[in-house]
N, C-alpha and C. Protein backbone atom coordinates (compact mmCIF):
# COMPACT_ATOMS: atom_id res chain seq x y z
N MET A 1 100.57 119.12 81.81
CA MET A 1 100.74 117.52 80.68
C MET A 1 102.30 117.07 81.27
N ILE A 2 102.93 117.46 81.88
CA ILE A 2 104.41 117.11 82.43
C ILE A 2 104.03 116.26 83.66
N GLY A 3 103.33 118.06 84.61
CA GLY A 3 102.77 118.04 85.75
C GLY A 3 101.92 116.05 85.65
N LYS A 4 101.24 116.01 84.96
CA LYS A 4 100.14 114.98 85.16
C LYS A 4 101.20 112.94 85.37
N VAL A 5 101.62 114.05 84.19
CA VAL A 5 103.04 112.76 84.55
C VAL A 5 103.33 112.35 85.37
N VAL A 6 104.25 113.28 85.79
CA VAL A 6 104.53 112.91 87.44
C VAL A 6 103.43 112.62 88.43
N LEU A 7 102.40 113.19 88.61
CA LEU A 7 101.81 112.93 89.70
C LEU A 7 101.17 111.19 89.07
N SER A 8 101.08 111.01 87.28
CA SER A 8 100.74 110.06 87.88
C SER A 8 101.66 108.86 87.71
N PHE A 9 102.77 108.56 87.98
CA PHE A 9 104.46 108.55 88.24
C PHE A 9 103.92 108.34 89.71
N ILE A 10 103.79 108.84 90.79
CA ILE A 10 104.04 109.20 92.04
C ILE A 10 103.30 108.28 92.48
N ALA A 11 100.95 108.32 91.78
CA ALA A 11 100.52 107.78 92.52
C ALA A 11 100.54 105.61 92.15
N THR A 12 101.38 105.79 90.53
CA THR A 12 101.73 104.36 90.22
C THR A 12 103.05 103.64 91.83
N ILE A 13 103.96 104.67 92.08
CA ILE A 13 104.69 103.97 93.03
C ILE A 13 103.51 103.95 94.34
N CYS A 14 102.44 104.83 94.80
CA CYS A 14 101.54 104.71 95.80
C CYS A 14 101.49 103.09 96.18
N PHE A 15 100.96 103.63 94.62
CA PHE A 15 100.09 101.22 94.92
C PHE A 15 100.53 100.50 94.55
N PHE A 16 101.66 100.77 93.94
CA PHE A 16 101.93 99.34 94.14
C PHE A 16 103.50 99.22 95.56
N THR A 17 103.76 100.38 95.94
CA THR A 17 104.22 100.04 97.55
C THR A 17 103.08 99.28 98.36
N LEU A 18 101.63 100.69 98.94
CA LEU A 18 100.54 99.51 99.36
C LEU A 18 100.60 98.29 99.46
N VAL A 19 100.50 97.46 97.65
CA VAL A 19 100.80 96.64 97.42
C VAL A 19 101.63 95.34 97.93
N VAL A 20 102.11 95.75 97.94
CA VAL A 20 103.86 95.16 98.50
C VAL A 20 103.92 95.22 99.77
N TYR A 21 103.05 96.31 100.68
CA TYR A 21 103.44 96.32 102.15
C TYR A 21 101.76 95.32 102.78
N ASP A 22 101.26 95.59 102.01
CA ASP A 22 99.99 94.27 102.05
C ASP A 22 100.55 93.07 101.86
N PHE A 23 100.92 93.04 100.12
CA PHE A 23 101.64 91.24 100.13
C PHE A 23 102.66 90.77 101.18
N LEU A 24 103.81 91.63 102.11
CA LEU A 24 104.15 91.11 102.52
C LEU A 24 103.51 91.16 104.25
N GLY A 25 102.81 91.51 104.22
CA GLY A 25 101.38 90.98 105.36
C GLY A 25 101.32 89.54 105.62
N VAL A 26 100.40 89.71 103.99
CA VAL A 26 99.72 88.54 104.07
C VAL A 26 100.37 86.76 104.18
N CYS A 27 101.65 87.42 103.61
CA CYS A 27 102.36 86.42 103.53
C CYS A 27 102.93 85.88 104.55
N ARG A 28 103.15 87.12 106.01
CA ARG A 28 103.86 86.46 107.30
C ARG A 28 102.52 86.08 107.78
N ILE A 29 101.75 86.55 107.44
CA ILE A 29 99.78 85.60 108.38
C ILE A 29 100.04 84.70 108.13
N PHE A 30 100.22 84.20 107.00
CA PHE A 30 100.16 82.89 106.91
C PHE A 30 101.56 81.87 106.48
N GLY A 31 102.69 82.54 106.76
CA GLY A 31 103.53 81.75 107.45
C GLY A 31 103.46 81.01 106.14
N ARG A 32 104.41 82.21 105.06
CA ARG A 32 104.79 81.96 103.62
C ARG A 32 105.92 82.95 103.80
N GLU A 33 106.51 82.34 104.09
CA GLU A 33 108.10 83.78 104.63
C GLU A 33 109.15 83.02 103.64
N LYS A 34 108.68 81.95 103.05
CA LYS A 34 109.69 81.09 101.95
C LYS A 34 109.54 82.50 100.77
N ILE A 35 108.31 82.32 100.32
CA ILE A 35 107.57 83.21 98.78
C ILE A 35 108.85 84.18 98.95
N VAL A 36 108.50 85.11 100.10
CA VAL A 36 109.29 86.12 100.07
C VAL A 36 110.79 85.69 100.06
N GLU A 37 111.40 84.95 100.34
CA GLU A 37 113.14 84.77 100.48
C GLU A 37 113.19 84.28 99.27
N GLU A 38 112.88 83.61 98.77
CA GLU A 38 113.13 83.03 96.93
C GLU A 38 112.95 84.55 96.21
N ILE A 39 112.16 85.26 96.40
CA ILE A 39 111.50 86.61 95.83
C ILE A 39 112.53 87.38 96.21
N TRP A 40 113.21 87.55 96.86
CA TRP A 40 114.54 88.15 97.61
C TRP A 40 115.91 87.45 96.88
N LYS A 41 115.66 86.72 96.76
CA LYS A 41 117.49 85.87 96.46
C LYS A 41 117.22 86.24 94.52
N ARG A 42 116.25 86.57 94.43
CA ARG A 42 115.94 86.97 92.56
C ARG A 42 116.65 87.98 92.57
N ILE A 43 115.69 89.08 93.68
CA ILE A 43 115.57 90.43 92.63
C ILE A 43 117.05 90.68 94.03
N LEU A 44 117.74 89.99 95.09
CA LEU A 44 118.83 90.48 95.30
C LEU A 44 119.83 89.82 95.72
N PRO A 45 120.68 88.87 94.92
CA PRO A 45 121.27 87.78 95.27
C PRO A 45 122.43 88.06 95.85
N ASN A 46 123.06 88.84 95.78
CA ASN A 46 124.21 88.76 96.86
C ASN A 46 124.12 89.43 98.05
N LYS A 47 122.69 89.78 98.43
CA LYS A 47 122.89 90.42 99.54
C LYS A 47 121.80 88.89 101.04
N LYS A 48 122.23 88.91 102.22
CA LYS A 48 121.57 88.14 102.84
C LYS A 48 120.15 88.22 103.02
N TYR A 49 119.56 87.00 103.19
CA TYR A 49 118.29 87.28 103.73
C TYR A 49 118.19 87.18 105.01
N ASP A 50 116.87 87.92 105.39
CA ASP A 50 116.75 88.29 107.12
C ASP A 50 115.00 88.48 107.07
N GLU A 51 114.79 87.48 107.58
CA GLU A 51 113.16 87.65 108.02
C GLU A 51 112.94 88.49 108.98
N LYS A 52 113.68 89.33 109.67
CA LYS A 52 113.23 90.31 110.83
C LYS A 52 113.36 91.65 109.83
N ILE A 53 114.22 92.06 109.11
CA ILE A 53 114.85 93.21 108.44
C ILE A 53 113.39 93.05 107.61
N VAL A 54 113.00 92.39 106.58
CA VAL A 54 111.78 92.25 105.80
C VAL A 54 111.17 92.79 106.21
N PHE A 55 110.42 92.05 107.07
CA PHE A 55 109.37 92.22 108.40
C PHE A 55 109.01 93.60 108.79
N VAL A 56 109.75 93.69 109.99
CA VAL A 56 110.11 94.69 111.07
C VAL A 56 110.24 95.97 110.51
N LEU A 57 112.03 95.70 109.70
CA LEU A 57 111.91 97.56 108.57
C LEU A 57 110.99 97.28 107.53
N ILE A 58 112.10 96.92 106.53
CA ILE A 58 111.30 96.89 104.84
C ILE A 58 109.74 97.26 104.85
N ARG A 59 108.76 96.31 105.39
CA ARG A 59 107.84 96.23 105.31
C ARG A 59 106.95 98.01 106.04
N PRO A 60 107.36 98.26 106.82
CA PRO A 60 106.83 98.93 106.79
C PRO A 60 107.64 100.77 106.16
N ILE A 61 109.00 100.64 105.43
CA ILE A 61 108.63 101.52 104.48
C ILE A 61 108.43 101.75 104.07
N PHE A 62 107.38 100.41 103.34
CA PHE A 62 106.84 100.96 102.22
C PHE A 62 105.45 101.37 102.82
N LEU A 63 104.72 101.34 103.96
CA LEU A 63 104.05 101.73 103.92
C LEU A 63 104.01 103.45 103.97
N ASN A 64 105.07 103.96 104.65
CA ASN A 64 105.93 105.35 104.79
C ASN A 64 105.49 105.33 103.78
N ILE A 65 106.70 105.05 102.12
CA ILE A 65 106.09 105.21 101.42
C ILE A 65 104.84 105.57 100.53
N SER A 66 103.99 104.39 100.76
CA SER A 66 103.25 104.53 100.21
C SER A 66 102.46 106.03 101.05
N PHE A 67 102.42 106.20 102.18
CA PHE A 67 101.36 107.19 102.50
C PHE A 67 101.82 108.64 102.11
N LEU A 68 103.38 108.85 101.74
CA LEU A 68 103.71 110.02 101.13
C LEU A 68 103.56 109.87 100.22
N CYS A 69 103.34 109.17 98.89
CA CYS A 69 103.11 109.53 97.59
C CYS A 69 101.61 110.10 97.44
N PHE A 70 100.44 109.16 98.41
CA PHE A 70 99.21 109.21 98.57
C PHE A 70 98.73 110.83 99.08
N LEU A 71 99.52 110.82 99.89
CA LEU A 71 99.38 112.39 100.08
C LEU A 71 99.88 113.71 98.66
N LEU A 72 100.70 113.12 98.04
CA LEU A 72 100.29 114.10 96.82
C LEU A 72 99.85 113.72 95.38
N THR A 73 98.82 112.58 95.80
CA THR A 73 98.30 111.81 94.56
C THR A 73 96.96 111.26 95.39
N TYR A 74 96.13 111.61 96.31
CA TYR A 74 95.30 111.57 96.76
C TYR A 74 93.79 111.21 95.59
N ASN A 75 93.42 112.56 94.61
CA ASN A 75 92.39 112.85 94.02
C ASN A 75 92.52 111.87 92.94
N ILE A 76 94.01 111.36 92.24
CA ILE A 76 94.53 110.06 91.61
C ILE A 76 93.66 108.86 91.75
N VAL A 77 94.06 108.40 93.68
CA VAL A 77 94.44 106.79 93.94
C VAL A 77 93.43 107.06 94.55
N ASN A 78 92.14 107.73 94.97
CA ASN A 78 90.84 107.75 95.95
C ASN A 78 90.47 106.98 94.71
N ARG A 79 90.42 107.10 93.56
CA ARG A 79 89.68 106.94 92.42
C ARG A 79 89.30 105.60 92.23
N MET A 80 90.33 104.62 92.24
CA MET A 80 90.89 103.76 92.25
C MET A 80 89.44 102.63 93.58
N LEU A 81 88.78 101.50 93.21
CA LEU A 81 88.55 101.14 94.34
C LEU A 81 89.31 99.99 94.77
N VAL A 82 90.30 99.29 94.06
CA VAL A 82 91.90 98.82 94.49
C VAL A 82 91.88 99.03 95.63
N PHE A 83 92.48 99.77 95.42
CA PHE A 83 93.52 100.81 96.87
C PHE A 83 93.41 100.82 97.35
N ARG A 84 91.43 101.48 97.06
CA ARG A 84 90.40 101.48 98.75
C ARG A 84 90.48 100.12 98.99
N ILE A 85 90.29 98.98 98.36
CA ILE A 85 89.98 97.72 99.46
C ILE A 85 91.30 98.19 100.18
N LEU A 86 92.38 97.46 99.33
CA LEU A 86 93.99 97.42 100.41
C LEU A 86 94.69 98.95 101.18
N LEU A 87 93.54 99.73 101.13
CA LEU A 87 93.91 100.72 102.07
C LEU A 87 93.01 100.27 102.97
N ALA A 88 91.80 99.58 103.49
CA ALA A 88 90.90 99.30 103.91
C ALA A 88 91.43 97.98 104.91
N LEU A 89 92.71 97.32 104.18
CA LEU A 89 92.74 96.47 105.04
C LEU A 89 94.58 96.44 105.36
N ALA A 90 94.86 97.80 104.61
CA ALA A 90 96.51 97.90 105.17
C ALA A 90 96.56 97.68 107.30
N PRO A 91 95.26 98.63 108.25
CA PRO A 91 94.97 98.59 109.35
C PRO A 91 94.80 97.40 110.19
N ILE A 92 94.11 96.45 109.53
CA ILE A 92 93.70 95.28 109.91
C ILE A 92 95.34 94.06 109.84
N LEU A 93 95.95 94.41 108.54
CA LEU A 93 97.17 93.21 108.35
C LEU A 93 97.74 93.82 109.75
N SER A 94 98.58 95.04 109.51
CA SER A 94 99.05 95.65 110.52
C SER A 94 98.67 95.00 111.50
N VAL A 95 97.69 95.29 112.47
CA VAL A 95 97.92 94.50 113.89
C VAL A 95 98.25 92.86 113.43
N ILE A 96 97.39 91.98 112.69
CA ILE A 96 97.61 90.49 112.95
C ILE A 96 99.02 90.86 112.73
N THR A 97 99.44 91.29 111.86
CA THR A 97 101.69 91.31 111.86
C THR A 97 101.73 91.29 112.81
N GLY A 98 101.60 91.95 113.72
CA GLY A 98 102.09 93.22 114.86
C GLY A 98 102.02 91.57 115.28
N ILE A 99 101.06 91.26 115.90
CA ILE A 99 100.94 90.21 116.46
C ILE A 99 101.97 88.97 116.80
N LYS A 100 101.70 88.23 114.79
CA LYS A 100 102.99 87.91 114.17
C LYS A 100 104.35 87.51 115.21
N ASN A 101 104.56 88.52 115.20
CA ASN A 101 105.54 89.25 114.71
C ASN A 101 106.53 89.47 116.37
N ARG A 102 105.28 89.57 117.18
CA ARG A 102 106.31 89.26 118.11
C ARG A 102 105.96 87.41 118.83
N LYS A 103 105.47 87.01 118.32
CA LYS A 103 105.80 85.58 118.55
C LYS A 103 107.24 85.18 118.09
């Protein structure tokens, strides 16, 4: 029972970190960094917003967390169609965002 609760919690982390990763990629691709800045200021009002830190450092950390959680909860998250779509979009968004980051 407790094991299933823990795995469900890890699967939730897996899903939401992938959502954040894809969201940050989409914002970067479409030039909507202001949305991310506004969210940053609401969540961390005392920390200075740095676009490079968010998109070059923090964004990949979300993908790594999602991947580690995915390894633990493959059977749970793989059943969700939305997760599989987000997972399929991640490499495409990564390449496009990488190109955008170089400019």
